[in-house]
Amino acid sequence: MKVNVVRIGNSRGIRIPKTILNQCRVTDAMELEVQGNQLLLRPTTGPRAGWDDAFRRMHAHGDDQLLEQDTAAATRWDRTEWQW
């Protein structure tokens, strides 16, 4: 589809037809990315989209273990003297 670039203040923009916005499930915001000499527009995703799948893959590969062991509770002082 050919669209015209229009002046919007000091910037430029394009008008995206409502049917295309609906087809791409765009609501209020979009992500804009430059790839080479092309612009890529896509609907925004939630800030944690895909985390559940990533955590499942980490668990399947054993990558969900703590890197450091909890050594604070290992000292006698921590067990006998420390109070919350």
N, C-alpha and C. Protein backbone atom coordinates (compact mmCIF):
# COMPACT_ATOMS: atom_id res chain seq x y z
N MET A 1 0.85 -1.17 0.00
CA MET A 1 0.00 0.00 0.00
C MET A 1 0.89 1.23 0.00
N LYS A 2 0.61 2.15 -0.84
CA LYS A 2 1.36 3.39 -0.90
C LYS A 2 0.65 4.42 -0.01
N VAL A 3 1.41 5.11 0.84
CA VAL A 3 0.85 6.15 1.71
C VAL A 3 1.67 7.41 1.54
N ASN A 4 1.04 8.53 1.80
CA ASN A 4 1.73 9.82 1.72
C ASN A 4 2.32 10.18 3.07
N VAL A 5 3.49 10.78 3.05
CA VAL A 5 4.11 11.30 4.26
C VAL A 5 3.62 12.73 4.42
N VAL A 6 3.05 13.03 5.61
CA VAL A 6 2.47 14.35 5.85
C VAL A 6 3.26 15.08 6.93
N ARG A 7 3.21 16.38 6.88
CA ARG A 7 3.90 17.20 7.87
C ARG A 7 3.07 17.27 9.14
N ILE A 8 3.73 17.02 10.29
CA ILE A 8 3.09 17.14 11.61
C ILE A 8 4.04 17.97 12.46
N GLY A 9 3.81 19.28 12.49
CA GLY A 9 4.74 20.17 13.20
C GLY A 9 6.09 20.12 12.51
N ASN A 10 7.15 19.87 13.30
CA ASN A 10 8.49 19.74 12.73
C ASN A 10 8.80 18.32 12.29
N SER A 11 7.85 17.42 12.47
CA SER A 11 8.06 16.01 12.13
C SER A 11 7.27 15.65 10.88
N ARG A 12 7.34 14.39 10.52
CA ARG A 12 6.56 13.86 9.42
C ARG A 12 5.86 12.60 9.91
N GLY A 13 4.76 12.23 9.29
CA GLY A 13 4.04 11.05 9.70
C GLY A 13 3.26 10.44 8.55
N ILE A 14 2.68 9.29 8.81
CA ILE A 14 1.81 8.64 7.84
C ILE A 14 0.49 8.33 8.52
N ARG A 15 -0.55 8.20 7.74
CA ARG A 15 -1.86 7.81 8.27
C ARG A 15 -2.03 6.33 7.99
N ILE A 16 -2.36 5.58 9.04
CA ILE A 16 -2.55 4.14 8.90
C ILE A 16 -4.05 3.87 8.96
N PRO A 17 -4.60 3.24 7.93
CA PRO A 17 -6.05 2.99 7.93
C PRO A 17 -6.48 2.13 9.12
N LYS A 18 -7.69 2.39 9.61
CA LYS A 18 -8.23 1.70 10.77
C LYS A 18 -8.27 0.20 10.56
N THR A 19 -8.60 -0.26 9.37
CA THR A 19 -8.68 -1.70 9.11
C THR A 19 -7.33 -2.37 9.30
N ILE A 20 -6.26 -1.69 8.93
CA ILE A 20 -4.92 -2.25 9.13
C ILE A 20 -4.56 -2.25 10.61
N LEU A 21 -4.90 -1.18 11.32
CA LEU A 21 -4.65 -1.13 12.77
C LEU A 21 -5.39 -2.26 13.48
N ASN A 22 -6.64 -2.49 13.10
CA ASN A 22 -7.42 -3.59 13.70
C ASN A 22 -6.81 -4.94 13.36
N GLN A 23 -6.41 -5.12 12.12
CA GLN A 23 -5.82 -6.39 11.70
C GLN A 23 -4.55 -6.70 12.48
N CYS A 24 -3.76 -5.67 12.79
CA CYS A 24 -2.50 -5.86 13.53
C CYS A 24 -2.70 -5.74 15.04
N ARG A 25 -3.94 -5.54 15.48
CA ARG A 25 -4.28 -5.41 16.90
C ARG A 25 -3.51 -4.26 17.58
N VAL A 26 -3.46 -3.14 16.92
CA VAL A 26 -2.79 -1.95 17.46
C VAL A 26 -3.81 -1.14 18.23
N THR A 27 -3.45 -0.74 19.46
CA THR A 27 -4.35 0.08 20.26
C THR A 27 -3.84 1.53 20.28
N ASP A 28 -3.01 1.89 21.24
CA ASP A 28 -2.57 3.27 21.37
C ASP A 28 -1.11 3.49 20.96
N ALA A 29 -0.27 2.52 21.21
CA ALA A 29 1.16 2.72 20.98
C ALA A 29 1.71 1.62 20.07
N MET A 30 2.78 1.95 19.39
CA MET A 30 3.46 0.99 18.54
C MET A 30 4.96 1.09 18.79
N GLU A 31 5.67 0.03 18.48
CA GLU A 31 7.13 0.06 18.54
C GLU A 31 7.64 0.37 17.15
N LEU A 32 8.61 1.27 17.08
CA LEU A 32 9.20 1.68 15.81
C LEU A 32 10.68 1.29 15.83
N GLU A 33 11.12 0.60 14.81
CA GLU A 33 12.51 0.15 14.74
C GLU A 33 13.05 0.41 13.34
N VAL A 34 14.30 0.79 13.26
CA VAL A 34 14.97 0.98 11.98
C VAL A 34 15.79 -0.26 11.70
N GLN A 35 15.56 -0.88 10.55
CA GLN A 35 16.34 -2.04 10.13
C GLN A 35 16.93 -1.71 8.76
N GLY A 36 18.21 -1.41 8.77
CA GLY A 36 18.85 -0.97 7.53
C GLY A 36 18.26 0.36 7.11
N ASN A 37 17.67 0.40 5.92
CA ASN A 37 17.03 1.63 5.46
C ASN A 37 15.50 1.49 5.46
N GLN A 38 14.98 0.60 6.33
CA GLN A 38 13.54 0.38 6.42
C GLN A 38 13.04 0.67 7.83
N LEU A 39 11.78 1.06 7.91
CA LEU A 39 11.12 1.25 9.20
C LEU A 39 10.23 0.04 9.47
N LEU A 40 10.29 -0.45 10.69
CA LEU A 40 9.45 -1.58 11.09
C LEU A 40 8.53 -1.11 12.21
N LEU A 41 7.24 -1.20 12.00
CA LEU A 41 6.23 -0.86 13.01
C LEU A 41 5.57 -2.13 13.48
N ARG A 42 5.41 -2.27 14.80
CA ARG A 42 4.70 -3.44 15.34
C ARG A 42 3.98 -3.02 16.61
N PRO A 43 2.91 -3.75 16.94
CA PRO A 43 2.19 -3.44 18.18
C PRO A 43 3.12 -3.61 19.38
N THR A 44 2.90 -2.80 20.39
CA THR A 44 3.71 -2.93 21.60
C THR A 44 3.29 -4.19 22.35
N THR A 45 4.24 -4.76 23.04
CA THR A 45 3.96 -5.93 23.87
C THR A 45 4.08 -5.51 25.32
N GLY A 46 3.51 -6.30 26.20
CA GLY A 46 3.63 -6.02 27.62
C GLY A 46 5.09 -6.08 28.04
N PRO A 47 5.45 -5.39 29.11
CA PRO A 47 6.85 -5.34 29.53
C PRO A 47 7.41 -6.70 29.90
N ARG A 48 6.57 -7.67 30.25
CA ARG A 48 7.06 -8.99 30.64
C ARG A 48 6.53 -10.08 29.71
N ALA A 49 6.14 -9.69 28.52
CA ALA A 49 5.62 -10.67 27.56
C ALA A 49 6.71 -11.69 27.24
N GLY A 50 6.36 -12.96 27.30
CA GLY A 50 7.29 -14.02 26.97
C GLY A 50 8.12 -14.53 28.14
N TRP A 51 8.01 -13.88 29.31
CA TRP A 51 8.82 -14.31 30.45
C TRP A 51 8.45 -15.71 30.91
N ASP A 52 7.15 -16.06 30.91
CA ASP A 52 6.75 -17.40 31.35
C ASP A 52 7.44 -18.48 30.52
N ASP A 53 7.44 -18.31 29.21
CA ASP A 53 8.09 -19.30 28.34
C ASP A 53 9.60 -19.33 28.59
N ALA A 54 10.20 -18.17 28.78
CA ALA A 54 11.64 -18.11 29.03
C ALA A 54 11.98 -18.82 30.34
N PHE A 55 11.17 -18.63 31.37
CA PHE A 55 11.42 -19.29 32.65
C PHE A 55 11.26 -20.81 32.53
N ARG A 56 10.27 -21.25 31.75
CA ARG A 56 10.10 -22.69 31.53
C ARG A 56 11.32 -23.29 30.84
N ARG A 57 11.83 -22.59 29.82
CA ARG A 57 13.03 -23.07 29.12
C ARG A 57 14.24 -23.09 30.05
N MET A 58 14.38 -22.05 30.89
CA MET A 58 15.48 -22.01 31.85
C MET A 58 15.41 -23.20 32.80
N HIS A 59 14.22 -23.49 33.30
CA HIS A 59 14.04 -24.60 34.23
C HIS A 59 14.37 -25.93 33.54
N ALA A 60 13.93 -26.09 32.31
CA ALA A 60 14.19 -27.32 31.57
C ALA A 60 15.68 -27.55 31.36
N HIS A 61 16.45 -26.48 31.26
CA HIS A 61 17.90 -26.59 31.06
C HIS A 61 18.69 -26.47 32.36
N GLY A 62 17.99 -26.35 33.49
CA GLY A 62 18.68 -26.23 34.77
C GLY A 62 19.33 -24.89 35.00
N ASP A 63 18.89 -23.87 34.27
CA ASP A 63 19.48 -22.54 34.39
C ASP A 63 18.74 -21.65 35.38
N ASP A 64 17.89 -22.23 36.23
CA ASP A 64 17.13 -21.43 37.16
C ASP A 64 17.64 -21.57 38.60
N GLN A 65 18.88 -21.93 38.75
CA GLN A 65 19.49 -22.07 40.07
C GLN A 65 20.18 -20.77 40.47
N LEU A 66 20.25 -20.51 41.78
CA LEU A 66 20.96 -19.33 42.27
C LEU A 66 22.45 -19.46 41.96
N LEU A 67 23.07 -18.35 41.58
CA LEU A 67 24.50 -18.37 41.28
C LEU A 67 25.33 -18.33 42.55
N GLU A 68 24.82 -17.69 43.60
CA GLU A 68 25.52 -17.62 44.87
C GLU A 68 24.70 -18.33 45.94
N GLN A 69 25.38 -19.06 46.79
CA GLN A 69 24.70 -19.74 47.89
C GLN A 69 24.42 -18.75 49.01
N ASP A 70 23.37 -18.98 49.78
CA ASP A 70 23.02 -18.13 50.90
C ASP A 70 23.94 -18.47 52.07
N THR A 71 24.96 -17.66 52.28
CA THR A 71 25.92 -17.94 53.35
C THR A 71 25.62 -17.15 54.62
N ALA A 72 24.71 -16.20 54.58
CA ALA A 72 24.44 -15.35 55.75
C ALA A 72 23.90 -16.17 56.91
N ALA A 73 23.06 -17.15 56.67
CA ALA A 73 22.46 -17.92 57.75
C ALA A 73 23.39 -19.03 58.24
N ALA A 74 24.57 -19.15 57.66
CA ALA A 74 25.48 -20.24 58.03
C ALA A 74 26.32 -19.92 59.26
N THR A 75 26.40 -18.65 59.68
CA THR A 75 27.24 -18.31 60.83
C THR A 75 26.46 -18.46 62.13
N ARG A 76 27.18 -18.77 63.18
CA ARG A 76 26.56 -18.94 64.50
C ARG A 76 25.92 -17.63 64.96
N TRP A 77 26.59 -16.51 64.72
CA TRP A 77 26.05 -15.21 65.12
C TRP A 77 24.68 -14.98 64.48
N ASP A 78 24.55 -15.29 63.19
CA ASP A 78 23.28 -15.11 62.50
C ASP A 78 22.18 -15.99 63.11
N ARG A 79 22.53 -17.19 63.50
CA ARG A 79 21.53 -18.10 64.06
C ARG A 79 21.13 -17.73 65.47
N THR A 80 22.06 -17.21 66.29
CA THR A 80 21.77 -16.99 67.70
C THR A 80 21.55 -15.53 68.08
N GLU A 81 22.21 -14.60 67.42
CA GLU A 81 22.18 -13.19 67.85
C GLU A 81 21.25 -12.30 67.02
N TRP A 82 21.15 -12.58 65.78
CA TRP A 82 20.40 -11.69 64.90
C TRP A 82 18.91 -11.75 65.19
N GLN A 83 18.27 -10.58 65.26
CA GLN A 83 16.83 -10.51 65.46
C GLN A 83 16.25 -9.52 64.46
N TRP A 84 15.07 -9.84 63.98
CA TRP A 84 14.36 -8.94 63.07
C TRP A 84 13.59 -7.94 63.87
